Structures are given as C-alpha cells and as structure tokens.
PDB file of N, CA and C in Angstrom:
ATOM      1  N   MET A   1      13.627 -10.298  -8.729  1.00  0.00           N
ATOM      2  CA  MET A   1      13.037  -9.501  -8.121  1.00  0.00           C
ATOM      3  C   MET A   1      11.562  -9.142  -8.755  1.00  0.00           C
ATOM      4  N   MET A   2      10.959  -8.891  -7.999  1.00  0.00           N
ATOM      5  CA  MET A   2       9.491  -8.302  -8.522  1.00  0.00           C
ATOM      6  C   MET A   2       9.490  -7.484  -9.040  1.00  0.00           C
ATOM      7  N   ASP A   3       8.538  -6.847 -10.348  1.00  0.00           N
ATOM      8  CA  ASP A   3       8.700  -5.281 -10.576  1.00  0.00           C
ATOM      9  C   ASP A   3       7.128  -5.305 -10.022  1.00  0.00           C
ATOM     10  N   ILE A   4       7.346  -3.768  -9.645  1.00  0.00           N
ATOM     11  CA  ILE A   4       6.148  -2.870  -9.221  1.00  0.00           C
ATOM     12  C   ILE A   4       5.673  -2.833 -10.683  1.00  0.00           C
ATOM     13  N   ASN A   5       5.864  -2.406 -11.482  1.00  0.00           N
ATOM     14  CA  ASN A   5       5.227  -2.372 -12.781  1.00  0.00           C
ATOM     15  C   ASN A   5       4.103  -3.217 -13.331  1.00  0.00           C
ATOM     16  N   LYS A   6       4.376  -4.625 -12.650  1.00  0.00           N
ATOM     17  CA  LYS A   6       3.177  -5.591 -13.173  1.00  0.00           C
ATOM     18  C   LYS A   6       2.005  -5.172 -12.248  1.00  0.00           C
ATOM     19  N   MET A   7       2.149  -4.178 -11.146  1.00  0.00           N
ATOM     20  CA  MET A   7       1.045  -3.965 -10.295  1.00  0.00           C
ATOM     21  C   MET A   7       0.707  -2.231 -10.957  1.00  0.00           C
ATOM     22  N   LYS A   8      -0.226  -1.879 -11.524  1.00  0.00           N
ATOM     23  CA  LYS A   8      -0.673  -0.577 -11.985  1.00  0.00           C
ATOM     24  C   LYS A   8      -0.888   0.052 -10.903  1.00  0.00           C
ATOM     25  N   LYS A   9      -0.025   1.047 -10.627  1.00  0.00           N
ATOM     26  CA  LYS A   9      -0.607   2.149  -9.733  1.00  0.00           C
ATOM     27  C   LYS A   9      -2.032   2.505  -9.309  1.00  0.00           C
ATOM     28  N   ARG A  10      -2.803   2.025 -10.351  1.00  0.00           N
ATOM     29  CA  ARG A  10      -4.312   2.249 -10.176  1.00  0.00           C
ATOM     30  C   ARG A  10      -4.819   1.396  -9.354  1.00  0.00           C
ATOM     31  N   HIS A  11      -4.100   0.329  -8.780  1.00  0.00           N
ATOM     32  CA  HIS A  11      -4.773  -0.745  -8.142  1.00  0.00           C
ATOM     33  C   HIS A  11      -3.965  -0.645  -6.780  1.00  0.00           C
ATOM     34  N   LEU A  12      -2.549   0.042  -6.952  1.00  0.00           N
ATOM     35  CA  LEU A  12      -1.944   0.494  -5.452  1.00  0.00           C
ATOM     36  C   LEU A  12      -3.359   1.367  -4.534  1.00  0.00           C
ATOM     37  N   LEU A  13      -3.775   2.520  -5.512  1.00  0.00           N
ATOM     38  CA  LEU A  13      -4.625   3.664  -5.065  1.00  0.00           C
ATOM     39  C   LEU A  13      -5.834   2.999  -4.705  1.00  0.00           C
ATOM     40  N   GLN A  14      -6.278   1.684  -5.334  1.00  0.00           N
ATOM     41  CA  GLN A  14      -7.796   1.357  -4.826  1.00  0.00           C
ATOM     42  C   GLN A  14      -7.257   0.550  -3.751  1.00  0.00           C
ATOM     43  N   VAL A  15      -6.490  -0.305  -3.269  1.00  0.00           N
ATOM     44  CA  VAL A  15      -6.109  -0.725  -1.961  1.00  0.00           C
ATOM     45  C   VAL A  15      -5.963   0.374  -1.146  1.00  0.00           C
ATOM     46  N   PHE A  16      -5.466   1.294  -0.988  1.00  0.00           N
ATOM     47  CA  PHE A  16      -5.315   2.168  -0.210  1.00  0.00           C
ATOM     48  C   PHE A  16      -6.744   3.022   0.057  1.00  0.00           C
ATOM     49  N   GLU A  17      -7.758   3.611  -0.870  1.00  0.00           N
ATOM     50  CA  GLU A  17      -8.862   3.757  -0.718  1.00  0.00           C
ATOM     51  C   GLU A  17      -9.906   2.943   0.274  1.00  0.00           C
ATOM     52  N   LEU A  18      -9.437   1.290  -0.280  1.00  0.00           N
ATOM     53  CA  LEU A  18     -10.075   0.099   0.585  1.00  0.00           C
ATOM     54  C   LEU A  18      -9.391   0.377   2.110  1.00  0.00           C
ATOM     55  N   ILE A  19      -8.267  -0.099   2.463  1.00  0.00           N
ATOM     56  CA  ILE A  19      -7.930   0.290   3.521  1.00  0.00           C
ATOM     57  C   ILE A  19      -8.373   1.485   4.238  1.00  0.00           C
ATOM     58  N   THR A  20      -8.322   3.011   3.769  1.00  0.00           N
ATOM     59  CA  THR A  20      -8.975   3.843   4.673  1.00  0.00           C
ATOM     60  C   THR A  20     -10.637   3.528   4.790  1.00  0.00           C
ATOM     61  N   ARG A  21     -11.476   3.152   3.374  1.00  0.00           N
ATOM     62  CA  ARG A  21     -12.597   2.778   4.172  1.00  0.00           C
ATOM     63  C   ARG A  21     -12.728   1.461   5.208  1.00  0.00           C
ATOM     64  N   LYS A  22     -12.621   0.551   4.896  1.00  0.00           N
ATOM     65  CA  LYS A  22     -12.806  -0.447   5.968  1.00  0.00           C
ATOM     66  C   LYS A  22     -11.635  -0.876   6.996  1.00  0.00           C
ATOM     67  N   GLY A  23     -10.391   0.263   7.396  1.00  0.00           N
ATOM     68  CA  GLY A  23      -9.558  -0.462   8.236  1.00  0.00           C
ATOM     69  C   GLY A  23      -9.932   0.446   9.423  1.00  0.00           C
ATOM     70  N   VAL A  24      -9.250  -0.221  10.520  1.00  0.00           N
ATOM     71  CA  VAL A  24      -9.351   1.173  11.985  1.00  0.00           C
ATOM     72  C   VAL A  24      -8.228   1.315  11.975  1.00  0.00           C
ATOM     73  N   LYS A  25      -8.994   2.788  12.536  1.00  0.00           N
ATOM     74  CA  LYS A  25      -7.940   4.027  12.106  1.00  0.00           C
ATOM     75  C   LYS A  25      -7.102   4.046  13.782  1.00  0.00           C
ATOM     76  N   THR A  26      -6.469   4.396  13.747  1.00  0.00           N
ATOM     77  CA  THR A  26      -5.412   5.060  15.115  1.00  0.00           C
ATOM     78  C   THR A  26      -4.166   5.697  14.706  1.00  0.00           C
ATOM     79  N   GLU A  27      -4.529   7.091  15.369  1.00  0.00           N
ATOM     80  CA  GLU A  27      -3.445   8.180  15.581  1.00  0.00           C
ATOM     81  C   GLU A  27      -3.368   8.488  13.837  1.00  0.00           C
ATOM     82  N   GLY A  28      -4.658   8.218  12.682  1.00  0.00           N
ATOM     83  CA  GLY A  28      -4.026   8.972  11.775  1.00  0.00           C
ATOM     84  C   GLY A  28      -3.596   7.792  10.727  1.00  0.00           C
ATOM     85  N   VAL A  29      -3.236   6.411  10.995  1.00  0.00           N
ATOM     86  CA  VAL A  29      -3.144   5.180  10.811  1.00  0.00           C
ATOM     87  C   VAL A  29      -3.728   4.699  10.659  1.00  0.00           C
ATOM     88  N   TYR A  30      -4.305   3.611   9.375  1.00  0.00           N
ATOM     89  CA  TYR A  30      -5.959   2.999   8.692  1.00  0.00           C
ATOM     90  C   TYR A  30      -4.905   1.855   8.860  1.00  0.00           C
ATOM     91  N   GLU A  31      -5.107   0.282   9.492  1.00  0.00           N
ATOM     92  CA  GLU A  31      -4.915  -0.797   8.941  1.00  0.00           C
ATOM     93  C   GLU A  31      -5.853  -1.636   8.856  1.00  0.00           C
ATOM     94  N   TYR A  32      -5.877  -3.020   7.861  1.00  0.00           N
ATOM     95  CA  TYR A  32      -6.876  -3.329   7.592  1.00  0.00           C
ATOM     96  C   TYR A  32      -5.928  -4.545   6.683  1.00  0.00           C
ATOM     97  N   HIS A  33      -6.187  -5.647   7.295  1.00  0.00           N
ATOM     98  CA  HIS A  33      -5.281  -7.133   6.739  1.00  0.00           C
ATOM     99  C   HIS A  33      -3.958  -7.034   6.999  1.00  0.00           C
ATOM    100  N   ASP A  34      -3.486  -6.762   8.130  1.00  0.00           N
ATOM    101  CA  ASP A  34      -2.146  -6.225   8.203  1.00  0.00           C
ATOM    102  C   ASP A  34      -1.389  -5.433   7.499  1.00  0.00           C
ATOM    103  N   ILE A  35      -2.229  -4.804   6.749  1.00  0.00           N
ATOM    104  CA  ILE A  35      -1.604  -3.517   5.786  1.00  0.00           C
ATOM    105  C   ILE A  35      -2.275  -2.303   6.531  1.00  0.00           C
ATOM    106  N   LYS A  36      -1.008  -1.251   6.250  1.00  0.00           N
ATOM    107  CA  LYS A  36      -1.411   0.027   7.014  1.00  0.00           C
ATOM    108  C   LYS A  36      -1.385   0.935   5.736  1.00  0.00           C
ATOM    109  N   ALA A  37      -2.177   1.915   6.262  1.00  0.00           N
ATOM    110  CA  ALA A  37      -2.019   2.715   5.059  1.00  0.00           C
ATOM    111  C   ALA A  37      -2.470   4.382   5.580  1.00  0.00           C
ATOM    112  N   SER A  38      -1.920   5.405   5.608  1.00  0.00           N
ATOM    113  CA  SER A  38      -1.258   6.746   5.459  1.00  0.00           C
ATOM    114  C   SER A  38      -1.138   8.087   4.835  1.00  0.00           C
ATOM    115  N   GLN A  39      -1.123   8.566   5.103  1.00  0.00           N
ATOM    116  CA  GLN A  39      -1.256  10.077   4.402  1.00  0.00           C
ATOM    117  C   GLN A  39      -0.638  11.537   5.017  1.00  0.00           C
ATOM    118  N   ASP A  40      -0.053  11.958   4.184  1.00  0.00           N
ATOM    119  CA  ASP A  40       0.220  13.362   4.792  1.00  0.00           C
ATOM    120  C   ASP A  40      -0.385  14.339   4.706  1.00  0.00           C
ATOM    121  N   PHE A  41      -0.237  15.670   5.709  1.00  0.00           N
ATOM    122  CA  PHE A  41      -1.726  16.531   6.068  1.00  0.00           C
ATOM    123  C   PHE A  41      -2.520  16.879   4.458  1.00  0.00           C
ATOM    124  N   ASP A  42      -1.612  16.864   3.654  1.00  0.00           N
ATOM    125  CA  ASP A  42      -2.689  17.554   2.223  1.00  0.00           C
ATOM    126  C   ASP A  42      -3.345  16.267   1.222  1.00  0.00           C
ATOM    127  N   GLY A  43      -2.573  15.128   1.558  1.00  0.00           N
ATOM    128  CA  GLY A  43      -3.238  13.837   1.022  1.00  0.00           C
ATOM    129  C   GLY A  43      -2.078  13.795  -0.497  1.00  0.00           C
ATOM    130  N   TYR A  44      -0.900  14.705  -0.787  1.00  0.00           N
ATOM    131  CA  TYR A  44      -0.509  14.738  -2.200  1.00  0.00           C
ATOM    132  C   TYR A  44       0.220  13.306  -1.899  1.00  0.00           C
ATOM    133  N   THR A  45       0.959  12.686  -0.488  1.00  0.00           N
ATOM    134  CA  THR A  45       1.378  11.893  -0.773  1.00  0.00           C
ATOM    135  C   THR A  45       0.874  10.945   0.605  1.00  0.00           C
ATOM    136  N   CYS A  46       1.245   9.903  -0.058  1.00  0.00           N
ATOM    137  CA  CYS A  46       0.306   8.433   0.846  1.00  0.00           C
ATOM    138  C   CYS A  46       1.399   7.156   0.703  1.00  0.00           C
ATOM    139  N   TRP A  47       1.350   6.741   1.653  1.00  0.00           N
ATOM    140  CA  TRP A  47       2.211   5.171   2.047  1.00  0.00           C
ATOM    141  C   TRP A  47       0.991   4.024   2.101  1.00  0.00           C
ATOM    142  N   LEU A  48       1.540   2.984   2.020  1.00  0.00           N
ATOM    143  CA  LEU A  48       1.516   1.616   2.386  1.00  0.00           C
ATOM    144  C   LEU A  48       2.364   1.068   2.454  1.00  0.00           C
ATOM    145  N   SER A  49       1.959   0.015   3.884  1.00  0.00           N
ATOM    146  CA  SER A  49       3.188  -0.124   4.096  1.00  0.00           C
ATOM    147  C   SER A  49       2.400  -1.848   4.978  1.00  0.00           C
ATOM    148  N   PHE A  50       3.922  -2.574   5.466  1.00  0.00           N
ATOM    149  CA  PHE A  50       3.851  -4.403   5.648  1.00  0.00           C
ATOM    150  C   PHE A  50       4.504  -4.706   5.740  1.00  0.00           C
ATOM    151  N   LYS A  51       5.057  -4.951   6.850  1.00  0.00           N
ATOM    152  CA  LYS A  51       6.228  -5.720   7.883  1.00  0.00           C
ATOM    153  C   LYS A  51       7.444  -4.658   7.582  1.00  0.00           C
ATOM    154  N   ASP A  52       8.488  -4.721   6.741  1.00  0.00           N
ATOM    155  CA  ASP A  52       9.316  -3.889   6.683  1.00  0.00           C
ATOM    156  C   ASP A  52       9.603  -3.350   4.842  1.00  0.00           C
ATOM    157  N   LEU A  53       7.982  -3.489   4.042  1.00  0.00           N
ATOM    158  CA  LEU A  53       8.137  -2.994   3.080  1.00  0.00           C
ATOM    159  C   LEU A  53       7.147  -1.399   3.481  1.00  0.00           C
ATOM    160  N   THR A  54       7.580  -0.723   2.683  1.00  0.00           N
ATOM    161  CA  THR A  54       6.557   0.678   2.263  1.00  0.00           C
ATOM    162  C   THR A  54       6.675   1.368   1.205  1.00  0.00           C
ATOM    163  N   VAL A  55       5.168   1.071   0.267  1.00  0.00           N
ATOM    164  CA  VAL A  55       5.336   1.779  -0.941  1.00  0.00           C
ATOM    165  C   VAL A  55       4.915   3.219  -0.379  1.00  0.00           C
ATOM    166  N   THR A  56       5.455   4.472  -1.423  1.00  0.00           N
ATOM    167  CA  THR A  56       5.307   5.816  -1.149  1.00  0.00           C
ATOM    168  C   THR A  56       4.393   5.977  -2.659  1.00  0.00           C
ATOM    169  N   LEU A  57       3.043   6.357  -2.628  1.00  0.00           N
ATOM    170  CA  LEU A  57       2.408   7.237  -3.982  1.00  0.00           C
ATOM    171  C   LEU A  57       2.451   8.886  -3.357  1.00  0.00           C
ATOM    172  N   LEU A  58       2.900   8.779  -4.978  1.00  0.00           N
ATOM    173  CA  LEU A  58       3.050  10.568  -5.103  1.00  0.00           C
ATOM    174  C   LEU A  58       2.282  10.982  -5.665  1.00  0.00           C
ATOM    175  N   PHE A  59       1.916  11.980  -5.812  1.00  0.00           N
ATOM    176  CA  PHE A  59       0.600  12.917  -6.253  1.00  0.00           C
ATOM    177  C   PHE A  59       0.732  12.907  -8.112  1.00  0.00           C
ATOM    178  N   HIS A  60       1.840  13.074  -8.702  1.00  0.00           N
ATOM    179  CA  HIS A  60       1.919  12.915 -10.193  1.00  0.00           C
ATOM    180  C   HIS A  60       1.762  11.926 -10.192  1.00  0.00           C
ATOM    181  N   GLY A  61       1.939  10.500  -9.835  1.00  0.00           N
ATOM    182  CA  GLY A  61       1.957   9.259 -10.105  1.00  0.00           C
ATOM    183  C   GLY A  61       3.522   8.063 -10.215  1.00  0.00           C
ATOM    184  N   ALA A  62       4.141   9.374  -9.319  1.00  0.00           N
ATOM    185  CA  ALA A  62       6.115   8.292  -9.076  1.00  0.00           C
ATOM    186  C   ALA A  62       5.404   7.112  -8.234  1.00  0.00           C
ATOM    187  N   TYR A  63       5.970   6.571  -8.112  1.00  0.00           N
ATOM    188  CA  TYR A  63       6.012   5.775  -6.466  1.00  0.00           C
ATOM    189  C   TYR A  63       7.166   5.290  -6.124  1.00  0.00           C
ATOM    190  N   ASP A  64       7.627   4.937  -4.871  1.00  0.00           N
ATOM    191  CA  ASP A  64       8.574   4.235  -3.900  1.00  0.00           C
ATOM    192  C   ASP A  64       8.653   3.002  -3.709  1.00  0.00           C
ATOM    193  N   LEU A  65       9.032   1.890  -3.552  1.00  0.00           N
ATOM    194  CA  LEU A  65       9.089   0.676  -3.213  1.00  0.00           C
ATOM    195  C   LEU A  65      10.578   0.680  -2.559  1.00  0.00           C
ATOM    196  N   ASP A  66      10.272   0.579  -0.701  1.00  0.00           N
ATOM    197  CA  ASP A  66      11.181  -0.053  -0.383  1.00  0.00           C
ATOM    198  C   ASP A  66      11.116  -0.988   0.818  1.00  0.00           C
ATOM    199  N   TYR A  67      11.633  -2.285   0.808  1.00  0.00           N
ATOM    200  CA  TYR A  67      11.623  -3.298   1.754  1.00  0.00           C
ATOM    201  C   TYR A  67      13.262  -4.186   1.666  1.00  0.00           C
ATOM    202  N   LYS A  68      12.923  -4.667   2.818  1.00  0.00           N
ATOM    203  CA  LYS A  68      14.384  -5.700   3.107  1.00  0.00           C
ATOM    204  C   LYS A  68      14.210  -7.084   2.304  1.00  0.00           C
ATOM    205  N   SER A  69      12.913  -7.506   2.546  1.00  0.00           N
ATOM    206  CA  SER A  69      12.837  -9.167   2.251  1.00  0.00           C
ATOM    207  C   SER A  69      11.644  -9.129   0.726  1.00  0.00           C
ATOM    208  N   GLU A  70      12.616 -10.031   0.455  1.00  0.00           N
ATOM    209  CA  GLU A  70      11.994 -10.362  -0.945  1.00  0.00           C
ATOM    210  C   GLU A  70      10.327 -10.946  -0.826  1.00  0.00           C
ATOM    211  N   GLU A  71      10.757 -12.324   0.084  1.00  0.00           N
ATOM    212  CA  GLU A  71       9.077 -12.640   0.549  1.00  0.00           C
ATOM    213  C   GLU A  71       8.628 -11.976   0.950  1.00  0.00           C
ATOM    214  N   THR A  72       8.754 -10.263   1.894  1.00  0.00           N
ATOM    215  CA  THR A  72       7.399  -9.730   2.538  1.00  0.00           C
ATOM    216  C   THR A  72       6.789  -9.074   1.218  1.00  0.00           C
ATOM    217  N   LEU A  73       7.883  -8.862   0.063  1.00  0.00           N
ATOM    218  CA  LEU A  73       7.403  -8.083  -1.309  1.00  0.00           C
ATOM    219  C   LEU A  73       5.957  -9.070  -1.824  1.00  0.00           C
ATOM    220  N   LYS A  74       6.852 -10.881  -1.912  1.00  0.00           N
ATOM    221  CA  LYS A  74       5.793 -11.348  -2.508  1.00  0.00           C
ATOM    222  C   LYS A  74       4.358 -11.330  -1.523  1.00  0.00           C
ATOM    223  N   ILE A  75       4.569 -11.674  -0.593  1.00  0.00           N
ATOM    224  CA  ILE A  75       3.112 -11.317   0.456  1.00  0.00           C
ATOM    225  C   ILE A  75       2.343 -10.370   0.360  1.00  0.00           C
ATOM    226  N   PHE A  76       2.788  -9.501   0.349  1.00  0.00           N
ATOM    227  CA  PHE A  76       2.771  -8.418  -0.360  1.00  0.00           C
ATOM    228  C   PHE A  76       1.656  -8.045  -0.951  1.00  0.00           C
ATOM    229  N   PHE A  77       2.195  -8.007  -2.811  1.00  0.00           N
ATOM    230  CA  PHE A  77       1.176  -8.634  -3.563  1.00  0.00           C
ATOM    231  C   PHE A  77       0.583  -9.325  -3.742  1.00  0.00           C
ATOM    232  N   LYS A  78       0.492 -10.471  -3.232  1.00  0.00           N
ATOM    233  CA  LYS A  78      -0.702 -11.555  -2.712  1.00  0.00           C
ATOM    234  C   LYS A  78      -1.431 -11.299  -2.126  1.00  0.00           C
ATOM    235  N   LYS A  79      -1.539  -9.918  -1.133  1.00  0.00           N
ATOM    236  CA  LYS A  79      -2.443  -9.684  -0.430  1.00  0.00           C
ATOM    237  C   LYS A  79      -3.268  -8.717  -0.949  1.00  0.00           C
ATOM    238  N   ILE A  80      -2.192  -7.993  -1.830  1.00  0.00           N
ATOM    239  CA  ILE A  80      -3.471  -7.008  -2.568  1.00  0.00           C
ATOM    240  C   ILE A  80      -3.875  -7.652  -3.071  1.00  0.00           C
ATOM    241  N   ALA A  81      -3.516  -8.645  -4.060  1.00  0.00           N
ATOM    242  CA  ALA A  81      -4.132  -9.657  -5.511  1.00  0.00           C
ATOM    243  C   ALA A  81      -5.397 -10.113  -4.639  1.00  0.00           C
ATOM    244  N   ASN A  82      -5.742 -10.538  -3.508  1.00  0.00           N
ATOM    245  CA  ASN A  82      -6.603 -10.903  -2.622  1.00  0.00           C
ATOM    246  C   ASN A  82      -8.027  -9.344  -2.623  1.00  0.00           C
ATOM    247  N   LEU A  83      -7.017  -8.970  -1.829  1.00  0.00           N
ATOM    248  CA  LEU A  83      -8.036  -7.708  -1.329  1.00  0.00           C
ATOM    249  C   LEU A  83      -9.166  -7.291  -2.299  1.00  0.00           C
ATOM    250  N   LEU A  84      -7.780  -7.150  -3.648  1.00  0.00           N
ATOM    251  CA  LEU A  84      -9.189  -6.890  -4.860  1.00  0.00           C
ATOM    252  C   LEU A  84     -10.410  -7.364  -5.340  1.00  0.00           C
ATOM    253  N   ASP A  85      -9.589  -9.039  -4.930  1.00  0.00           N
ATOM    254  CA  ASP A  85     -10.269 -10.031  -5.900  1.00  0.00           C
ATOM    255  C   ASP A  85     -11.693  -9.925  -4.672  1.00  0.00           C
ATOM    256  N   ASP A  86     -11.891  -9.745  -3.690  1.00  0.00           N
ATOM    257  CA  ASP A  86     -12.847 -10.132  -2.799  1.00  0.00           C
ATOM    258  C   ASP A  86     -14.109  -8.819  -3.456  1.00  0.00           C
TER     259      ASP A  86
END
C-alpha cells in the first residue's frame, strides 16, 4: 500500500488550489483532469476525489484517505505529480 505521508499535505493543498483555479465548476464542485475538488461551507474541510478514491483534508492538518482500488490510488498520485510538474 502506498503511504500518503510520502506526499506532503502541502502538495495536496496545492492540487486543491490548482483544481479550484483551473477547473470547471458545476454545482459547487470543481473538476480538472478527472479530479474533483470541493469544500464545506466554511472551508475547514476540503475533499479531493478521483474514481473510488476520496482524500479529506481537515483544517488542522489531519487528512483521511479512502479508496477501494490500489490501482486508483497509484493513478491518483501520478496525476497529482503531473499536475504539480506542469
């Protein structure tokens, strides 16, 4: 299993910001390169989702990773790395 700690939370937040800046917004959810980004009403909780994977980013630095497929997790991290490299 891939360890999310290898990807710093800062990178996840950078991707969140990139998606909300460049993505298409539909009903409060932004989408860019098949990754969706959303947040609750006060911005304290943010979500990144891709296929069966959801990353929950919490205000105080905690995060939660929920997914069904190891392959989805690998593709997600590769997509994030590519987005940050652009």
